[in-house]
Amino acid sequence: MRDMKKAVERIRQAISRREKILIFGDYDVDGILSVVILSKALESLGAEVDYFIPERLKEGYGIKEEHIEIVLERKASLVISVDCGIKATQFTKRAKEAGVDIIITDHHLPGDILPEAKAILNPVLNDSGYPDRRLAGIGVAFKLIQALFEKEGKSSSLPHYLKMVSIGTIADVAELKGENRLFVKFG
């Protein structure tokens, strides 16, 4: 997937420098389970991880410009979005001004302008370089974990995450073809 190498390198850098990583998730099952698996995976690599999931009725869907205040309060230098973020242009602009790097993992359609992020992992982008556009948000998060674990020599730990990947994929009503079918079959 386009930008996967950049995402993995930035996360490994954050872990080695003991930077705080904030995972920003969506409030649905796909988003919540994406936060869970990515948090657990990063913690298993020694990362300092925090997370934020907006209140559905109060804040609505997506990363808003004002969410930068949460990032700054929690002293995170890297934000990884899961199941959201592809339209967060104002947030990413403010984050960049504040010296905070953003990695977006999402599966939703982008707006007219892509956010200014360190890396964008989204299989629906025309130039994503990824053959399966049907992944749910948790599928994209899992692909990031897979790339990280392969780099760290921890690939044998990947099956541990497949139950949650299968639940998130089904809950998001993702088409059960291609990789999604495999996630569900083996999860």
C-alpha atoms as a PDB file:
ATOM      1  CA  MET A   1       0.000   0.000   0.000  1.00  0.00           C
ATOM      2  CA  ARG A   2       1.277   3.446  -0.870  1.00  0.00           C
ATOM      3  CA  ASP A   3       3.061   5.076   2.076  1.00  0.00           C
ATOM      4  CA  MET A   4       3.297   1.810   4.063  1.00  0.00           C
ATOM      5  CA  LYS A   5       7.084   2.047   4.248  1.00  0.00           C
ATOM      6  CA  LYS A   6       6.866   5.669   5.453  1.00  0.00           C
ATOM      7  CA  ALA A   7       4.277   4.717   8.075  1.00  0.00           C
ATOM      8  CA  VAL A   8       6.343   1.810   9.398  1.00  0.00           C
ATOM      9  CA  GLU A   9       9.521   3.898   9.533  1.00  0.00           C
ATOM     10  CA  ARG A  10       7.799   6.744  11.421  1.00  0.00           C
ATOM     11  CA  ILE A  11       6.224   4.374  13.948  1.00  0.00           C
ATOM     12  CA  ARG A  12       9.526   2.569  14.548  1.00  0.00           C
ATOM     13  CA  GLN A  13      11.186   5.957  15.043  1.00  0.00           C
ATOM     14  CA  ALA A  14       8.513   6.961  17.582  1.00  0.00           C
ATOM     15  CA  ILE A  15       9.004   3.707  19.485  1.00  0.00           C
ATOM     16  CA  SER A  16      12.793   4.029  19.578  1.00  0.00           C
ATOM     17  CA  ARG A  17      12.562   7.670  20.736  1.00  0.00           C
ATOM     18  CA  ARG A  18       9.870   6.860  23.341  1.00  0.00           C
ATOM     19  CA  GLU A  19       7.462   9.345  21.755  1.00  0.00           C
ATOM     20  CA  LYS A  20       3.824   9.188  22.732  1.00  0.00           C
ATOM     21  CA  ILE A  21       1.565   7.812  20.000  1.00  0.00           C
ATOM     22  CA  LEU A  22      -2.132   8.744  20.037  1.00  0.00           C
ATOM     23  CA  ILE A  23      -4.491   6.470  18.125  1.00  0.00           C
ATOM     24  CA  PHE A  24      -7.610   8.283  16.961  1.00  0.00           C
ATOM     25  CA  GLY A  25     -10.503   5.956  16.181  1.00  0.00           C
ATOM     26  CA  ASP A  26     -14.065   6.017  14.983  1.00  0.00           C
ATOM     27  CA  TYR A  27     -16.887   5.148  17.396  1.00  0.00           C
ATOM     28  CA  ASP A  28     -18.316   2.155  15.476  1.00  0.00           C
ATOM     29  CA  VAL A  29     -17.275  -1.489  15.958  1.00  0.00           C
ATOM     30  CA  ASP A  30     -14.812  -1.302  13.063  1.00  0.00           C
ATOM     31  CA  GLY A  31     -13.153   1.790  14.534  1.00  0.00           C
ATOM     32  CA  ILE A  32     -13.126   0.635  18.154  1.00  0.00           C
ATOM     33  CA  LEU A  33     -11.641  -2.762  17.333  1.00  0.00           C
ATOM     34  CA  SER A  34      -9.089  -1.034  15.090  1.00  0.00           C
ATOM     35  CA  VAL A  35      -8.005   1.020  18.106  1.00  0.00           C
ATOM     36  CA  VAL A  36      -7.781  -2.151  20.211  1.00  0.00           C
ATOM     37  CA  ILE A  37      -5.651  -4.190  17.814  1.00  0.00           C
ATOM     38  CA  LEU A  38      -3.334  -1.330  16.894  1.00  0.00           C
ATOM     39  CA  SER A  39      -2.871  -0.347  20.561  1.00  0.00           C
ATOM     40  CA  LYS A  40      -2.061  -3.912  21.569  1.00  0.00           C
ATOM     41  CA  ALA A  41       0.292  -4.405  18.625  1.00  0.00           C
ATOM     42  CA  LEU A  42       2.182  -1.177  19.274  1.00  0.00           C
ATOM     43  CA  GLU A  43       2.412  -1.878  23.009  1.00  0.00           C
ATOM     44  CA  SER A  44       3.853  -5.318  22.207  1.00  0.00           C
ATOM     45  CA  LEU A  45       6.624  -3.478  20.338  1.00  0.00           C
ATOM     46  CA  GLY A  46       7.310  -1.236  23.337  1.00  0.00           C
ATOM     47  CA  ALA A  47       5.401   1.861  22.219  1.00  0.00           C
ATOM     48  CA  GLU A  48       3.880   4.401  24.571  1.00  0.00           C
ATOM     49  CA  VAL A  49       0.275   4.460  23.340  1.00  0.00           C
ATOM     50  CA  ASP A  50      -2.836   6.462  24.169  1.00  0.00           C
ATOM     51  CA  TYR A  51      -6.129   6.596  22.275  1.00  0.00           C
ATOM     52  CA  PHE A  52      -9.135   8.794  21.663  1.00  0.00           C
ATOM     53  CA  ILE A  53     -12.576   7.870  20.353  1.00  0.00           C
ATOM     54  CA  PRO A  54     -15.008  10.774  19.911  1.00  0.00           C
ATOM     55  CA  GLU A  55     -18.476  10.720  21.434  1.00  0.00           C
ATOM     56  CA  ARG A  56     -20.860   9.892  18.598  1.00  0.00           C
ATOM     57  CA  LEU A  57     -23.748  12.204  19.528  1.00  0.00           C
ATOM     58  CA  LYS A  58     -21.609  15.072  20.797  1.00  0.00           C
ATOM     59  CA  GLU A  59     -18.767  15.155  18.267  1.00  0.00           C
ATOM     60  CA  GLY A  60     -20.009  13.174  15.274  1.00  0.00           C
ATOM     61  CA  TYR A  61     -17.875  11.282  12.776  1.00  0.00           C
ATOM     62  CA  GLY A  62     -14.290  12.063  11.902  1.00  0.00           C
ATOM     63  CA  ILE A  63     -11.343  14.059  13.107  1.00  0.00           C
ATOM     64  CA  LYS A  64     -12.207  17.716  13.578  1.00  0.00           C
ATOM     65  CA  GLU A  65      -9.810  20.661  13.610  1.00  0.00           C
ATOM     66  CA  GLU A  66     -10.450  21.219  17.331  1.00  0.00           C
ATOM     67  CA  HIS A  67      -9.263  17.687  18.142  1.00  0.00           C
ATOM     68  CA  ILE A  68      -5.709  19.047  17.922  1.00  0.00           C
ATOM     69  CA  GLU A  69      -6.253  20.306  21.480  1.00  0.00           C
ATOM     70  CA  ILE A  70      -6.608  16.704  22.707  1.00  0.00           C
ATOM     71  CA  VAL A  71      -3.400  15.739  20.916  1.00  0.00           C
ATOM     72  CA  LEU A  72      -1.515  18.632  22.509  1.00  0.00           C
ATOM     73  CA  GLU A  73      -2.993  18.008  25.986  1.00  0.00           C
ATOM     74  CA  ARG A  74      -1.859  14.397  25.821  1.00  0.00           C
ATOM     75  CA  LYS A  75       1.569  15.415  24.521  1.00  0.00           C
ATOM     76  CA  ALA A  76       1.506  13.088  21.527  1.00  0.00           C
ATOM     77  CA  SER A  77       4.027  13.646  18.741  1.00  0.00           C
ATOM     78  CA  LEU A  78       2.469  11.053  16.425  1.00  0.00           C
ATOM     79  CA  VAL A  79      -1.224  10.483  15.718  1.00  0.00           C
ATOM     80  CA  ILE A  80      -2.430   7.394  13.876  1.00  0.00           C
ATOM     81  CA  SER A  81      -6.030   7.500  12.707  1.00  0.00           C
ATOM     82  CA  VAL A  82      -7.976   4.284  12.255  1.00  0.00           C
ATOM     83  CA  ASP A  83     -11.214   4.047  10.248  1.00  0.00           C
ATOM     84  CA  CYS A  84     -11.247   7.838   9.796  1.00  0.00           C
ATOM     85  CA  GLY A  85      -9.079  10.792   8.843  1.00  0.00           C
ATOM     86  CA  ILE A  86      -9.125  10.826   5.049  1.00  0.00           C
ATOM     87  CA  LYS A  87     -11.035  14.143   5.064  1.00  0.00           C
ATOM     88  CA  ALA A  88      -9.251  15.690   8.075  1.00  0.00           C
ATOM     89  CA  THR A  89      -7.482  18.421   6.096  1.00  0.00           C
ATOM     90  CA  GLN A  90      -7.855  21.175   8.720  1.00  0.00           C
ATOM     91  CA  PHE A  91      -6.776  18.898  11.569  1.00  0.00           C
ATOM     92  CA  THR A  92      -3.677  17.699   9.724  1.00  0.00           C
ATOM     93  CA  LYS A  93      -2.773  21.284   8.823  1.00  0.00           C
ATOM     94  CA  ARG A  94      -2.958  22.339  12.493  1.00  0.00           C
ATOM     95  CA  ALA A  95      -1.061  19.221  13.572  1.00  0.00           C
ATOM     96  CA  LYS A  96       1.736  19.945  11.117  1.00  0.00           C
ATOM     97  CA  GLU A  97       1.976  23.523  12.433  1.00  0.00           C
ATOM     98  CA  ALA A  98       2.264  22.093  15.966  1.00  0.00           C
ATOM     99  CA  GLY A  99       5.011  19.651  14.941  1.00  0.00           C
ATOM    100  CA  VAL A 100       2.802  16.566  15.230  1.00  0.00           C
ATOM    101  CA  ASP A 101       3.067  13.872  12.559  1.00  0.00           C
ATOM    102  CA  ILE A 102      -0.078  12.138  11.282  1.00  0.00           C
ATOM    103  CA  ILE A 103      -0.494   8.677   9.798  1.00  0.00           C
ATOM    104  CA  ILE A 104      -3.953   8.115   8.338  1.00  0.00           C
ATOM    105  CA  THR A 105      -5.361   4.610   8.002  1.00  0.00           C
ATOM    106  CA  ASP A 106      -8.826   4.706   6.495  1.00  0.00           C
ATOM    107  CA  HIS A 107     -11.040   3.009   3.928  1.00  0.00           C
ATOM    108  CA  HIS A 108     -13.519   5.796   3.203  1.00  0.00           C
ATOM    109  CA  LEU A 109     -13.587   7.903   0.056  1.00  0.00           C
ATOM    110  CA  PRO A 110     -11.437  11.042   0.195  1.00  0.00           C
ATOM    111  CA  GLY A 111     -12.587  14.605  -0.355  1.00  0.00           C
ATOM    112  CA  ASP A 112     -11.267  16.820  -3.140  1.00  0.00           C
ATOM    113  CA  ILE A 113      -8.001  17.430  -1.272  1.00  0.00           C
ATOM    114  CA  LEU A 114      -5.984  14.829   0.614  1.00  0.00           C
ATOM    115  CA  PRO A 115      -4.820  15.759   4.119  1.00  0.00           C
ATOM    116  CA  GLU A 116      -1.172  16.721   4.659  1.00  0.00           C
ATOM    117  CA  ALA A 117      -0.068  13.582   6.464  1.00  0.00           C
ATOM    118  CA  LYS A 118       3.240  11.805   6.959  1.00  0.00           C
ATOM    119  CA  ALA A 119       1.596   8.721   5.441  1.00  0.00           C
ATOM    120  CA  ILE A 120      -1.841   7.795   4.109  1.00  0.00           C
ATOM    121  CA  LEU A 121      -2.908   4.144   4.000  1.00  0.00           C
ATOM    122  CA  ASN A 122      -6.199   3.858   2.150  1.00  0.00           C
ATOM    123  CA  PRO A 123      -6.914   1.136  -0.415  1.00  0.00           C
ATOM    124  CA  VAL A 124      -9.651   3.153  -2.166  1.00  0.00           C
ATOM    125  CA  LEU A 125      -7.227   5.834  -3.333  1.00  0.00           C
ATOM    126  CA  ASN A 126      -6.592   5.453  -7.050  1.00  0.00           C
ATOM    127  CA  ASP A 127      -2.837   5.429  -6.492  1.00  0.00           C
ATOM    128  CA  SER A 128      -2.886   3.316  -3.316  1.00  0.00           C
ATOM    129  CA  GLY A 129      -0.960   0.538  -4.997  1.00  0.00           C
ATOM    130  CA  TYR A 130      -3.160  -1.968  -3.199  1.00  0.00           C
ATOM    131  CA  PRO A 131      -5.149  -4.561  -5.163  1.00  0.00           C
ATOM    132  CA  ASP A 132      -8.115  -4.993  -2.782  1.00  0.00           C
ATOM    133  CA  ARG A 133     -10.241  -1.860  -2.340  1.00  0.00           C
ATOM    134  CA  ARG A 134     -12.808  -3.641  -0.131  1.00  0.00           C
ATOM    135  CA  LEU A 135     -10.937  -3.645   3.190  1.00  0.00           C
ATOM    136  CA  ALA A 136     -12.753  -2.289   6.233  1.00  0.00           C
ATOM    137  CA  GLY A 137     -10.911   0.129   8.504  1.00  0.00           C
ATOM    138  CA  ILE A 138      -9.742  -2.740  10.677  1.00  0.00           C
ATOM    139  CA  GLY A 139      -8.355  -4.485   7.605  1.00  0.00           C
ATOM    140  CA  VAL A 140      -6.215  -1.427   6.851  1.00  0.00           C
ATOM    141  CA  ALA A 141      -5.063  -1.260  10.497  1.00  0.00           C
ATOM    142  CA  PHE A 142      -4.202  -4.968  10.347  1.00  0.00           C
ATOM    143  CA  LYS A 143      -2.131  -4.448   7.183  1.00  0.00           C
ATOM    144  CA  LEU A 144      -0.139  -1.798   9.078  1.00  0.00           C
ATOM    145  CA  ILE A 145       0.386  -4.226  11.968  1.00  0.00           C
ATOM    146  CA  GLN A 146       1.434  -6.911   9.501  1.00  0.00           C
ATOM    147  CA  ALA A 147       4.044  -4.615   7.928  1.00  0.00           C
ATOM    148  CA  LEU A 148       5.365  -3.572  11.356  1.00  0.00           C
ATOM    149  CA  PHE A 149       5.556  -7.147  12.632  1.00  0.00           C
ATOM    150  CA  GLU A 150       7.303  -8.345   9.471  1.00  0.00           C
ATOM    151  CA  LYS A 151       9.922  -5.611   9.944  1.00  0.00           C
ATOM    152  CA  GLU A 152      10.337  -6.585  13.617  1.00  0.00           C
ATOM    153  CA  GLY A 153      10.387 -10.354  13.006  1.00  0.00           C
ATOM    154  CA  LYS A 154       7.114 -10.894  14.901  1.00  0.00           C
ATOM    155  CA  SER A 155       4.926 -12.264  12.085  1.00  0.00           C
ATOM    156  CA  SER A 156       4.058 -15.340  14.146  1.00  0.00           C
ATOM    157  CA  SER A 157       1.970 -13.058  16.411  1.00  0.00           C
ATOM    158  CA  LEU A 158      -0.365 -11.970  13.593  1.00  0.00           C
ATOM    159  CA  PRO A 159      -3.011 -14.743  13.918  1.00  0.00           C
ATOM    160  CA  HIS A 160      -3.756 -13.477  17.441  1.00  0.00           C
ATOM    161  CA  TYR A 161      -5.456 -10.404  15.913  1.00  0.00           C
ATOM    162  CA  LEU A 162      -7.614 -12.156  13.312  1.00  0.00           C
ATOM    163  CA  LYS A 163     -10.674 -12.728  15.547  1.00  0.00           C
ATOM    164  CA  MET A 164     -11.072  -8.999  16.067  1.00  0.00           C
ATOM    165  CA  VAL A 165     -10.298  -8.292  12.397  1.00  0.00           C
ATOM    166  CA  SER A 166     -13.059 -10.697  11.360  1.00  0.00           C
ATOM    167  CA  ILE A 167     -15.586  -9.165  13.785  1.00  0.00           C
ATOM    168  CA  GLY A 168     -14.754  -5.613  12.647  1.00  0.00           C
ATOM    169  CA  THR A 169     -14.977  -6.623   8.995  1.00  0.00           C
ATOM    170  CA  ILE A 170     -18.395  -8.245   9.458  1.00  0.00           C
ATOM    171  CA  ALA A 171     -19.723  -5.424  11.665  1.00  0.00           C
ATOM    172  CA  ASP A 172     -18.767  -2.876   9.007  1.00  0.00           C
ATOM    173  CA  VAL A 173     -20.699  -4.899   6.419  1.00  0.00           C
ATOM    174  CA  ALA A 174     -17.613  -5.108   4.205  1.00  0.00           C
ATOM    175  CA  GLU A 175     -17.973  -7.231   1.091  1.00  0.00           C
ATOM    176  CA  LEU A 176     -16.791 -10.743   1.987  1.00  0.00           C
ATOM    177  CA  LYS A 177     -14.563 -11.274  -1.013  1.00  0.00           C
ATOM    178  CA  GLY A 178     -10.797 -11.266  -1.413  1.00  0.00           C
ATOM    179  CA  GLU A 179      -8.869 -10.534   1.754  1.00  0.00           C
ATOM    180  CA  ASN A 180     -12.014  -9.840   3.771  1.00  0.00           C
ATOM    181  CA  ARG A 181     -13.153 -13.415   3.165  1.00  0.00           C
ATOM    182  CA  LEU A 182      -9.783 -14.695   4.387  1.00  0.00           C
ATOM    183  CA  PHE A 183      -9.932 -12.509   7.506  1.00  0.00           C
ATOM    184  CA  VAL A 184     -13.341 -13.949   8.368  1.00  0.00           C
ATOM    185  CA  LYS A 185     -12.420 -17.535   7.489  1.00  0.00           C
ATOM    186  CA  PHE A 186      -9.273 -17.579   9.616  1.00  0.00           C
ATOM    187  CA  GLY A 187     -10.583 -15.291  12.351  1.00  0.00           C
END
